[in-house]
Amino acid sequence: MRISMVEAKKIFATEGDYIIMDVRTSPEYQDGHIPGAINVVNGTVQDDMPDELKDKNRTIYVYCRSGHRSKLAAAKLVEEGYTNIIDCGGILDWTGEIEK
């Protein structure tokens, strides 16, 4: 499933049992990311999953810079058996707060 960053911003403004996953490189993440997002570099998805991603039924919102890597990462997560993956596209379309 894919949603826009406008829709994602509305969802992220509410509390919920979901994870926001930034799949950009570590330097990109450190330059600024959506508040509360965890960083799992796209190239490491499937290889080294953090503890936050142990529950394969939890909702995970995935984003990157422009939307290409998030699409790839979302597909990898689905291949690994994750059931609630939502691709939000790229942070370039994000109009909310940025955390550093």
PDB file of N, CA and C in Angstrom:
ATOM      1  N   MET A   1       0.849  -1.181   0.000  1.00  0.00           N
ATOM      2  CA  MET A   1       0.000   0.000   0.000  1.00  0.00           C
ATOM      3  C   MET A   1       0.890   1.239   0.000  1.00  0.00           C
ATOM      4  N   ARG A   2       0.451   2.263  -0.686  1.00  0.00           N
ATOM      5  CA  ARG A   2       1.190   3.520  -0.723  1.00  0.00           C
ATOM      6  C   ARG A   2       0.247   4.667  -0.354  1.00  0.00           C
ATOM      7  N   ILE A   3       0.759   5.586   0.460  1.00  0.00           N
ATOM      8  CA  ILE A   3       0.002   6.791   0.801  1.00  0.00           C
ATOM      9  C   ILE A   3       0.916   7.994   0.575  1.00  0.00           C
ATOM     10  N   SER A   4       0.314   9.157   0.514  1.00  0.00           N
ATOM     11  CA  SER A   4       1.096  10.380   0.332  1.00  0.00           C
ATOM     12  C   SER A   4       1.656  10.842   1.679  1.00  0.00           C
ATOM     13  N   MET A   5       2.649  11.716   1.603  1.00  0.00           N
ATOM     14  CA  MET A   5       3.196  12.290   2.838  1.00  0.00           C
ATOM     15  C   MET A   5       2.163  13.171   3.532  1.00  0.00           C
ATOM     16  N   VAL A   6       1.225  13.724   2.785  1.00  0.00           N
ATOM     17  CA  VAL A   6       0.150  14.518   3.395  1.00  0.00           C
ATOM     18  C   VAL A   6      -0.689  13.611   4.300  1.00  0.00           C
ATOM     19  N   GLU A   7      -1.048  12.441   3.783  1.00  0.00           N
ATOM     20  CA  GLU A   7      -1.807  11.477   4.585  1.00  0.00           C
ATOM     21  C   GLU A   7      -0.972  10.981   5.768  1.00  0.00           C
ATOM     22  N   ALA A   8       0.303  10.703   5.501  1.00  0.00           N
ATOM     23  CA  ALA A   8       1.192  10.220   6.562  1.00  0.00           C
ATOM     24  C   ALA A   8       1.305  11.244   7.689  1.00  0.00           C
ATOM     25  N   LYS A   9       1.413  12.513   7.342  1.00  0.00           N
ATOM     26  CA  LYS A   9       1.542  13.567   8.352  1.00  0.00           C
ATOM     27  C   LYS A   9       0.339  13.565   9.295  1.00  0.00           C
ATOM     28  N   LYS A  10      -0.851  13.359   8.747  1.00  0.00           N
ATOM     29  CA  LYS A  10      -2.064  13.295   9.573  1.00  0.00           C
ATOM     30  C   LYS A  10      -2.009  12.098  10.523  1.00  0.00           C
ATOM     31  N   ILE A  11      -1.554  10.965  10.009  1.00  0.00           N
ATOM     32  CA  ILE A  11      -1.462   9.760  10.839  1.00  0.00           C
ATOM     33  C   ILE A  11      -0.416   9.938  11.930  1.00  0.00           C
ATOM     34  N   PHE A  12       0.745  10.491  11.564  1.00  0.00           N
ATOM     35  CA  PHE A  12       1.837  10.648  12.526  1.00  0.00           C
ATOM     36  C   PHE A  12       1.524  11.678  13.606  1.00  0.00           C
ATOM     37  N   ALA A  13       0.506  12.499  13.385  1.00  0.00           N
ATOM     38  CA  ALA A  13       0.097  13.484  14.391  1.00  0.00           C
ATOM     39  C   ALA A  13      -0.686  12.822  15.520  1.00  0.00           C
ATOM     40  N   THR A  14      -1.036  11.552  15.355  1.00  0.00           N
ATOM     41  CA  THR A  14      -1.789  10.833  16.376  1.00  0.00           C
ATOM     42  C   THR A  14      -0.925   9.716  16.953  1.00  0.00           C
ATOM     43  N   GLU A  15      -1.221   9.367  18.174  1.00  0.00           N
ATOM     44  CA  GLU A  15      -0.543   8.229  18.807  1.00  0.00           C
ATOM     45  C   GLU A  15      -1.056   6.959  18.157  1.00  0.00           C
ATOM     46  N   GLY A  16      -0.187   5.987  18.046  1.00  0.00           N
ATOM     47  CA  GLY A  16      -0.621   4.713  17.489  1.00  0.00           C
ATOM     48  C   GLY A  16       0.465   3.671  17.635  1.00  0.00           C
ATOM     49  N   ASP A  17       0.088   2.445  17.406  1.00  0.00           N
ATOM     50  CA  ASP A  17       1.046   1.343  17.499  1.00  0.00           C
ATOM     51  C   ASP A  17       1.627   1.087  16.111  1.00  0.00           C
ATOM     52  N   TYR A  18       2.473   1.984  15.683  1.00  0.00           N
ATOM     53  CA  TYR A  18       3.102   1.874  14.372  1.00  0.00           C
ATOM     54  C   TYR A  18       4.559   2.300  14.472  1.00  0.00           C
ATOM     55  N   ILE A  19       5.298   1.952  13.438  1.00  0.00           N
ATOM     56  CA  ILE A  19       6.713   2.320  13.344  1.00  0.00           C
ATOM     57  C   ILE A  19       6.887   3.166  12.095  1.00  0.00           C
ATOM     58  N   ILE A  20       7.689   4.219  12.216  1.00  0.00           N
ATOM     59  CA  ILE A  20       8.090   5.022  11.055  1.00  0.00           C
ATOM     60  C   ILE A  20       9.527   4.612  10.748  1.00  0.00           C
ATOM     61  N   MET A  21       9.758   4.140   9.534  1.00  0.00           N
ATOM     62  CA  MET A  21      11.063   3.601   9.170  1.00  0.00           C
ATOM     63  C   MET A  21      11.669   4.403   8.020  1.00  0.00           C
ATOM     64  N   ASP A  22      12.803   5.008   8.282  1.00  0.00           N
ATOM     65  CA  ASP A  22      13.568   5.781   7.293  1.00  0.00           C
ATOM     66  C   ASP A  22      14.614   4.842   6.700  1.00  0.00           C
ATOM     67  N   VAL A  23      14.572   4.624   5.384  1.00  0.00           N
ATOM     68  CA  VAL A  23      15.496   3.670   4.760  1.00  0.00           C
ATOM     69  C   VAL A  23      16.636   4.354   4.015  1.00  0.00           C
ATOM     70  N   ARG A  24      16.872   5.632   4.326  1.00  0.00           N
ATOM     71  CA  ARG A  24      18.002   6.342   3.723  1.00  0.00           C
ATOM     72  C   ARG A  24      19.298   5.946   4.428  1.00  0.00           C
ATOM     73  N   THR A  25      20.414   6.453   3.922  1.00  0.00           N
ATOM     74  CA  THR A  25      21.705   6.178   4.554  1.00  0.00           C
ATOM     75  C   THR A  25      21.774   6.869   5.915  1.00  0.00           C
ATOM     76  N   SER A  26      22.698   6.417   6.748  1.00  0.00           N
ATOM     77  CA  SER A  26      22.860   7.026   8.079  1.00  0.00           C
ATOM     78  C   SER A  26      23.144   8.526   8.013  1.00  0.00           C
ATOM     79  N   PRO A  27      24.055   8.998   7.116  1.00  0.00           N
ATOM     80  CA  PRO A  27      24.274  10.452   7.038  1.00  0.00           C
ATOM     81  C   PRO A  27      23.012  11.223   6.624  1.00  0.00           C
ATOM     82  N   GLU A  28      22.226  10.664   5.707  1.00  0.00           N
ATOM     83  CA  GLU A  28      20.972  11.330   5.314  1.00  0.00           C
ATOM     84  C   GLU A  28      20.029  11.413   6.505  1.00  0.00           C
ATOM     85  N   TYR A  29      19.912  10.325   7.242  1.00  0.00           N
ATOM     86  CA  TYR A  29      19.050  10.273   8.428  1.00  0.00           C
ATOM     87  C   TYR A  29      19.491  11.309   9.451  1.00  0.00           C
ATOM     88  N   GLN A  30      20.801  11.391   9.688  1.00  0.00           N
ATOM     89  CA  GLN A  30      21.328  12.332  10.672  1.00  0.00           C
ATOM     90  C   GLN A  30      21.144  13.782  10.244  1.00  0.00           C
ATOM     91  N   ASP A  31      21.074  14.032   8.953  1.00  0.00           N
ATOM     92  CA  ASP A  31      20.837  15.394   8.455  1.00  0.00           C
ATOM     93  C   ASP A  31      19.428  15.877   8.764  1.00  0.00           C
ATOM     94  N   GLY A  32      18.517  14.955   9.019  1.00  0.00           N
ATOM     95  CA  GLY A  32      17.150  15.317   9.370  1.00  0.00           C
ATOM     96  C   GLY A  32      16.184  14.228   8.960  1.00  0.00           C
ATOM     97  N   HIS A  33      15.299  13.860   9.901  1.00  0.00           N
ATOM     98  CA  HIS A  33      14.333  12.800   9.640  1.00  0.00           C
ATOM     99  C   HIS A  33      13.003  13.135  10.309  1.00  0.00           C
ATOM    100  N   ILE A  34      11.993  12.391   9.942  1.00  0.00           N
ATOM    101  CA  ILE A  34      10.677  12.558  10.548  1.00  0.00           C
ATOM    102  C   ILE A  34      10.790  12.162  12.024  1.00  0.00           C
ATOM    103  N   PRO A  35      10.270  12.992  12.932  1.00  0.00           N
ATOM    104  CA  PRO A  35      10.375  12.683  14.360  1.00  0.00           C
ATOM    105  C   PRO A  35       9.858  11.278  14.688  1.00  0.00           C
ATOM    106  N   GLY A  36      10.655  10.562  15.469  1.00  0.00           N
ATOM    107  CA  GLY A  36      10.280   9.223  15.896  1.00  0.00           C
ATOM    108  C   GLY A  36      10.673   8.113  14.940  1.00  0.00           C
ATOM    109  N   ALA A  37      11.201   8.470  13.781  1.00  0.00           N
ATOM    110  CA  ALA A  37      11.569   7.453  12.792  1.00  0.00           C
ATOM    111  C   ALA A  37      12.822   6.694  13.223  1.00  0.00           C
ATOM    112  N   ILE A  38      12.833   5.395  12.914  1.00  0.00           N
ATOM    113  CA  ILE A  38      14.039   4.601  13.104  1.00  0.00           C
ATOM    114  C   ILE A  38      14.740   4.489  11.755  1.00  0.00           C
ATOM    115  N   ASN A  39      16.031   4.296  11.771  1.00  0.00           N
ATOM    116  CA  ASN A  39      16.810   4.217  10.528  1.00  0.00           C
ATOM    117  C   ASN A  39      17.236   2.775  10.272  1.00  0.00           C
ATOM    118  N   VAL A  40      16.740   2.228   9.168  1.00  0.00           N
ATOM    119  CA  VAL A  40      17.164   0.915   8.682  1.00  0.00           C
ATOM    120  C   VAL A  40      17.534   1.119   7.225  1.00  0.00           C
ATOM    121  N   VAL A  41      18.808   1.174   6.933  1.00  0.00           N
ATOM    122  CA  VAL A  41      19.282   1.461   5.582  1.00  0.00           C
ATOM    123  C   VAL A  41      18.724   0.422   4.610  1.00  0.00           C
ATOM    124  N   ASN A  42      18.200   0.893   3.479  1.00  0.00           N
ATOM    125  CA  ASN A  42      17.568   0.018   2.500  1.00  0.00           C
ATOM    126  C   ASN A  42      18.415  -1.214   2.184  1.00  0.00           C
ATOM    127  N   GLY A  43      19.710  -1.040   2.013  1.00  0.00           N
ATOM    128  CA  GLY A  43      20.582  -2.151   1.675  1.00  0.00           C
ATOM    129  C   GLY A  43      20.687  -3.219   2.744  1.00  0.00           C
ATOM    130  N   THR A  44      20.277  -2.893   3.978  1.00  0.00           N
ATOM    131  CA  THR A  44      20.368  -3.869   5.069  1.00  0.00           C
ATOM    132  C   THR A  44      19.024  -4.503   5.408  1.00  0.00           C
ATOM    133  N   VAL A  45      17.946  -4.039   4.759  1.00  0.00           N
ATOM    134  CA  VAL A  45      16.634  -4.642   5.003  1.00  0.00           C
ATOM    135  C   VAL A  45      16.737  -6.107   4.598  1.00  0.00           C
ATOM    136  N   GLN A  46      16.250  -6.973   5.402  1.00  0.00           N
ATOM    137  CA  GLN A  46      16.293  -8.430   5.286  1.00  0.00           C
ATOM    138  C   GLN A  46      17.532  -9.012   5.957  1.00  0.00           C
ATOM    139  N   ASP A  47      18.586  -8.235   6.138  1.00  0.00           N
ATOM    140  CA  ASP A  47      19.823  -8.766   6.703  1.00  0.00           C
ATOM    141  C   ASP A  47      19.917  -8.581   8.208  1.00  0.00           C
ATOM    142  N   ASP A  48      19.703  -7.366   8.659  1.00  0.00           N
ATOM    143  CA  ASP A  48      19.950  -7.038  10.061  1.00  0.00           C
ATOM    144  C   ASP A  48      18.797  -6.203  10.587  1.00  0.00           C
ATOM    145  N   MET A  49      17.716  -6.862  10.964  1.00  0.00           N
ATOM    146  CA  MET A  49      16.521  -6.151  11.393  1.00  0.00           C
ATOM    147  C   MET A  49      16.598  -5.820  12.885  1.00  0.00           C
ATOM    148  N   PRO A  50      16.329  -4.569  13.246  1.00  0.00           N
ATOM    149  CA  PRO A  50      16.366  -4.179  14.664  1.00  0.00           C
ATOM    150  C   PRO A  50      15.208  -4.803  15.451  1.00  0.00           C
ATOM    151  N   ASP A  51      15.335  -4.789  16.760  1.00  0.00           N
ATOM    152  CA  ASP A  51      14.313  -5.363  17.637  1.00  0.00           C
ATOM    153  C   ASP A  51      12.937  -4.746  17.423  1.00  0.00           C
ATOM    154  N   GLU A  52      12.892  -3.472  17.069  1.00  0.00           N
ATOM    155  CA  GLU A  52      11.598  -2.797  16.865  1.00  0.00           C
ATOM    156  C   GLU A  52      10.775  -3.471  15.764  1.00  0.00           C
ATOM    157  N   LEU A  53      11.433  -4.226  14.894  1.00  0.00           N
ATOM    158  CA  LEU A  53      10.739  -4.836  13.754  1.00  0.00           C
ATOM    159  C   LEU A  53      10.489  -6.332  13.927  1.00  0.00           C
ATOM    160  N   LYS A  54      10.550  -6.821  15.144  1.00  0.00           N
ATOM    161  CA  LYS A  54      10.336  -8.258  15.382  1.00  0.00           C
ATOM    162  C   LYS A  54       8.893  -8.690  15.119  1.00  0.00           C
ATOM    163  N   ASP A  55       7.928  -7.809  15.396  1.00  0.00           N
ATOM    164  CA  ASP A  55       6.507  -8.130  15.203  1.00  0.00           C
ATOM    165  C   ASP A  55       6.148  -7.886  13.739  1.00  0.00           C
ATOM    166  N   LYS A  56       5.965  -8.953  12.991  1.00  0.00           N
ATOM    167  CA  LYS A  56       5.710  -8.836  11.549  1.00  0.00           C
ATOM    168  C   LYS A  56       4.287  -8.381  11.226  1.00  0.00           C
ATOM    169  N   ASN A  57       3.436  -8.243  12.249  1.00  0.00           N
ATOM    170  CA  ASN A  57       2.068  -7.768  12.027  1.00  0.00           C
ATOM    171  C   ASN A  57       1.884  -6.293  12.383  1.00  0.00           C
ATOM    172  N   ARG A  58       2.919  -5.689  12.931  1.00  0.00           N
ATOM    173  CA  ARG A  58       2.837  -4.270  13.311  1.00  0.00           C
ATOM    174  C   ARG A  58       2.855  -3.399  12.056  1.00  0.00           C
ATOM    175  N   THR A  59       2.160  -2.294  12.086  1.00  0.00           N
ATOM    176  CA  THR A  59       2.136  -1.380  10.946  1.00  0.00           C
ATOM    177  C   THR A  59       3.457  -0.631  10.855  1.00  0.00           C
ATOM    178  N   ILE A  60       4.053  -0.633   9.668  1.00  0.00           N
ATOM    179  CA  ILE A  60       5.327   0.037   9.434  1.00  0.00           C
ATOM    180  C   ILE A  60       5.159   0.988   8.255  1.00  0.00           C
ATOM    181  N   TYR A  61       5.425   2.268   8.509  1.00  0.00           N
ATOM    182  CA  TYR A  61       5.412   3.290   7.463  1.00  0.00           C
ATOM    183  C   TYR A  61       6.849   3.489   7.004  1.00  0.00           C
ATOM    184  N   VAL A  62       7.098   3.299   5.714  1.00  0.00           N
ATOM    185  CA  VAL A  62       8.448   3.343   5.164  1.00  0.00           C
ATOM    186  C   VAL A  62       8.599   4.578   4.275  1.00  0.00           C
ATOM    187  N   TYR A  63       9.723   5.290   4.436  1.00  0.00           N
ATOM    188  CA  TYR A  63      10.001   6.424   3.550  1.00  0.00           C
ATOM    189  C   TYR A  63      11.494   6.524   3.288  1.00  0.00           C
ATOM    190  N   CYS A  64      11.844   7.295   2.258  1.00  0.00           N
ATOM    191  CA  CYS A  64      13.252   7.550   1.914  1.00  0.00           C
ATOM    192  C   CYS A  64      13.364   9.023   1.496  1.00  0.00           C
ATOM    193  N   ARG A  65      14.200   9.321   0.528  1.00  0.00           N
ATOM    194  CA  ARG A  65      14.357  10.702   0.075  1.00  0.00           C
ATOM    195  C   ARG A  65      13.288  11.060  -0.957  1.00  0.00           C
ATOM    196  N   SER A  66      13.175  10.243  -2.007  1.00  0.00           N
ATOM    197  CA  SER A  66      12.253  10.583  -3.097  1.00  0.00           C
ATOM    198  C   SER A  66      11.144   9.566  -3.318  1.00  0.00           C
ATOM    199  N   GLY A  67      11.278   8.372  -2.770  1.00  0.00           N
ATOM    200  CA  GLY A  67      10.249   7.349  -2.926  1.00  0.00           C
ATOM    201  C   GLY A  67      10.731   6.065  -3.574  1.00  0.00           C
ATOM    202  N   HIS A  68      11.893   6.082  -4.205  1.00  0.00           N
ATOM    203  CA  HIS A  68      12.392   4.887  -4.880  1.00  0.00           C
ATOM    204  C   HIS A  68      12.842   3.818  -3.883  1.00  0.00           C
ATOM    205  N   ARG A  69      13.700   4.186  -2.941  1.00  0.00           N
ATOM    206  CA  ARG A  69      14.204   3.209  -1.970  1.00  0.00           C
ATOM    207  C   ARG A  69      13.109   2.706  -1.043  1.00  0.00           C
ATOM    208  N   SER A  70      12.138   3.564  -0.727  1.00  0.00           N
ATOM    209  CA  SER A  70      11.051   3.114   0.150  1.00  0.00           C
ATOM    210  C   SER A  70      10.222   2.034  -0.546  1.00  0.00           C
ATOM    211  N   LYS A  71      10.032   2.178  -1.841  1.00  0.00           N
ATOM    212  CA  LYS A  71       9.294   1.171  -2.607  1.00  0.00           C
ATOM    213  C   LYS A  71      10.043  -0.164  -2.581  1.00  0.00           C
ATOM    214  N   LEU A  72      11.362  -0.123  -2.785  1.00  0.00           N
ATOM    215  CA  LEU A  72      12.182  -1.338  -2.753  1.00  0.00           C
ATOM    216  C   LEU A  72      12.165  -1.976  -1.361  1.00  0.00           C
ATOM    217  N   ALA A  73      12.332  -1.146  -0.331  1.00  0.00           N
ATOM    218  CA  ALA A  73      12.352  -1.660   1.042  1.00  0.00           C
ATOM    219  C   ALA A  73      11.000  -2.256   1.418  1.00  0.00           C
ATOM    220  N   ALA A  74       9.920  -1.611   1.019  1.00  0.00           N
ATOM    221  CA  ALA A  74       8.584  -2.129   1.319  1.00  0.00           C
ATOM    222  C   ALA A  74       8.401  -3.512   0.691  1.00  0.00           C
ATOM    223  N   ALA A  75       8.862  -3.678  -0.537  1.00  0.00           N
ATOM    224  CA  ALA A  75       8.751  -4.976  -1.209  1.00  0.00           C
ATOM    225  C   ALA A  75       9.570  -6.037  -0.475  1.00  0.00           C
ATOM    226  N   LYS A  76      10.760  -5.667  -0.006  1.00  0.00           N
ATOM    227  CA  LYS A  76      11.598  -6.616   0.742  1.00  0.00           C
ATOM    228  C   LYS A  76      10.913  -7.038   2.038  1.00  0.00           C
ATOM    229  N   LEU A  77      10.297  -6.087   2.720  1.00  0.00           N
ATOM    230  CA  LEU A  77       9.615  -6.400   3.977  1.00  0.00           C
ATOM    231  C   LEU A  77       8.449  -7.360   3.730  1.00  0.00           C
ATOM    232  N   VAL A  78       7.701  -7.125   2.678  1.00  0.00           N
ATOM    233  CA  VAL A  78       6.590  -8.022   2.338  1.00  0.00           C
ATOM    234  C   VAL A  78       7.132  -9.427   2.042  1.00  0.00           C
ATOM    235  N   GLU A  79       8.238  -9.506   1.316  1.00  0.00           N
ATOM    236  CA  GLU A  79       8.875 -10.800   1.036  1.00  0.00           C
ATOM    237  C   GLU A  79       9.249 -11.529   2.315  1.00  0.00           C
ATOM    238  N   GLU A  80       9.621 -10.759   3.340  1.00  0.00           N
ATOM    239  CA  GLU A  80      10.022 -11.347   4.624  1.00  0.00           C
ATOM    240  C   GLU A  80       8.827 -11.716   5.503  1.00  0.00           C
ATOM    241  N   GLY A  81       7.615 -11.462   5.027  1.00  0.00           N
ATOM    242  CA  GLY A  81       6.425 -11.863   5.768  1.00  0.00           C
ATOM    243  C   GLY A  81       5.757 -10.778   6.581  1.00  0.00           C
ATOM    244  N   TYR A  82       6.203  -9.532   6.436  1.00  0.00           N
ATOM    245  CA  TYR A  82       5.538  -8.424   7.127  1.00  0.00           C
ATOM    246  C   TYR A  82       4.197  -8.173   6.450  1.00  0.00           C
ATOM    247  N   THR A  83       3.176  -7.928   7.266  1.00  0.00           N
ATOM    248  CA  THR A  83       1.814  -7.876   6.723  1.00  0.00           C
ATOM    249  C   THR A  83       1.210  -6.476   6.614  1.00  0.00           C
ATOM    250  N   ASN A  84       1.772  -5.488   7.299  1.00  0.00           N
ATOM    251  CA  ASN A  84       1.178  -4.145   7.313  1.00  0.00           C
ATOM    252  C   ASN A  84       2.222  -3.094   6.941  1.00  0.00           C
ATOM    253  N   ILE A  85       2.675  -3.124   5.704  1.00  0.00           N
ATOM    254  CA  ILE A  85       3.700  -2.203   5.226  1.00  0.00           C
ATOM    255  C   ILE A  85       3.043  -1.117   4.390  1.00  0.00           C
ATOM    256  N   ILE A  86       3.361   0.131   4.725  1.00  0.00           N
ATOM    257  CA  ILE A  86       2.805   1.270   3.993  1.00  0.00           C
ATOM    258  C   ILE A  86       3.948   2.154   3.527  1.00  0.00           C
ATOM    259  N   ASP A  87       4.050   2.321   2.227  1.00  0.00           N
ATOM    260  CA  ASP A  87       5.082   3.155   1.603  1.00  0.00           C
ATOM    261  C   ASP A  87       4.578   4.596   1.571  1.00  0.00           C
ATOM    262  N   CYS A  88       5.346   5.494   2.183  1.00  0.00           N
ATOM    263  CA  CYS A  88       4.963   6.908   2.246  1.00  0.00           C
ATOM    264  C   CYS A  88       5.692   7.761   1.202  1.00  0.00           C
ATOM    265  N   GLY A  89       6.594   7.146   0.450  1.00  0.00           N
ATOM    266  CA  GLY A  89       7.333   7.917  -0.550  1.00  0.00           C
ATOM    267  C   GLY A  89       8.559   8.590   0.043  1.00  0.00           C
ATOM    268  N   GLY A  90       8.773   9.854  -0.346  1.00  0.00           N
ATOM    269  CA  GLY A  90       9.997  10.542   0.033  1.00  0.00           C
ATOM    270  C   GLY A  90       9.823  11.709   0.974  1.00  0.00           C
ATOM    271  N   ILE A  91      10.863  11.933   1.762  1.00  0.00           N
ATOM    272  CA  ILE A  91      10.867  13.044   2.715  1.00  0.00           C
ATOM    273  C   ILE A  91      10.870  14.389   1.982  1.00  0.00           C
ATOM    274  N   LEU A  92      11.219  14.385   0.705  1.00  0.00           N
ATOM    275  CA  LEU A  92      11.156  15.624  -0.074  1.00  0.00           C
ATOM    276  C   LEU A  92       9.747  16.209  -0.084  1.00  0.00           C
ATOM    277  N   ASP A  93       8.731  15.351   0.100  1.00  0.00           N
ATOM    278  CA  ASP A  93       7.335  15.793   0.120  1.00  0.00           C
ATOM    279  C   ASP A  93       6.819  16.048   1.530  1.00  0.00           C
ATOM    280  N   TRP A  94       7.649  15.855   2.544  1.00  0.00           N
ATOM    281  CA  TRP A  94       7.259  16.045   3.935  1.00  0.00           C
ATOM    282  C   TRP A  94       7.215  17.531   4.272  1.00  0.00           C
ATOM    283  N   THR A  95       6.123  17.986   4.877  1.00  0.00           N
ATOM    284  CA  THR A  95       5.977  19.403   5.234  1.00  0.00           C
ATOM    285  C   THR A  95       5.995  19.608   6.754  1.00  0.00           C
ATOM    286  N   GLY A  96       6.179  18.529   7.489  1.00  0.00           N
ATOM    287  CA  GLY A  96       6.159  18.627   8.951  1.00  0.00           C
ATOM    288  C   GLY A  96       7.531  18.905   9.531  1.00  0.00           C
ATOM    289  N   GLU A  97       7.593  18.708  10.834  1.00  0.00           N
ATOM    290  CA  GLU A  97       8.827  18.903  11.591  1.00  0.00           C
ATOM    291  C   GLU A  97       9.906  17.942  11.139  1.00  0.00           C
ATOM    292  N   ILE A  98      11.143  18.365  11.279  1.00  0.00           N
ATOM    293  CA  ILE A  98      12.307  17.517  10.999  1.00  0.00           C
ATOM    294  C   ILE A  98      13.114  17.427  12.287  1.00  0.00           C
ATOM    295  N   GLU A  99      13.532  16.224  12.626  1.00  0.00           N
ATOM    296  CA  GLU A  99      14.319  15.993  13.825  1.00  0.00           C
ATOM    297  C   GLU A  99      15.761  15.681  13.423  1.00  0.00           C
ATOM    298  N   LYS A 100      16.700  16.209  14.183  1.00  0.00           N
ATOM    299  CA  LYS A 100      18.118  15.935  13.914  1.00  0.00           C
ATOM    300  C   LYS A 100      18.777  15.317  15.105  1.00  0.00           C
TER     301      LYS A 100
END
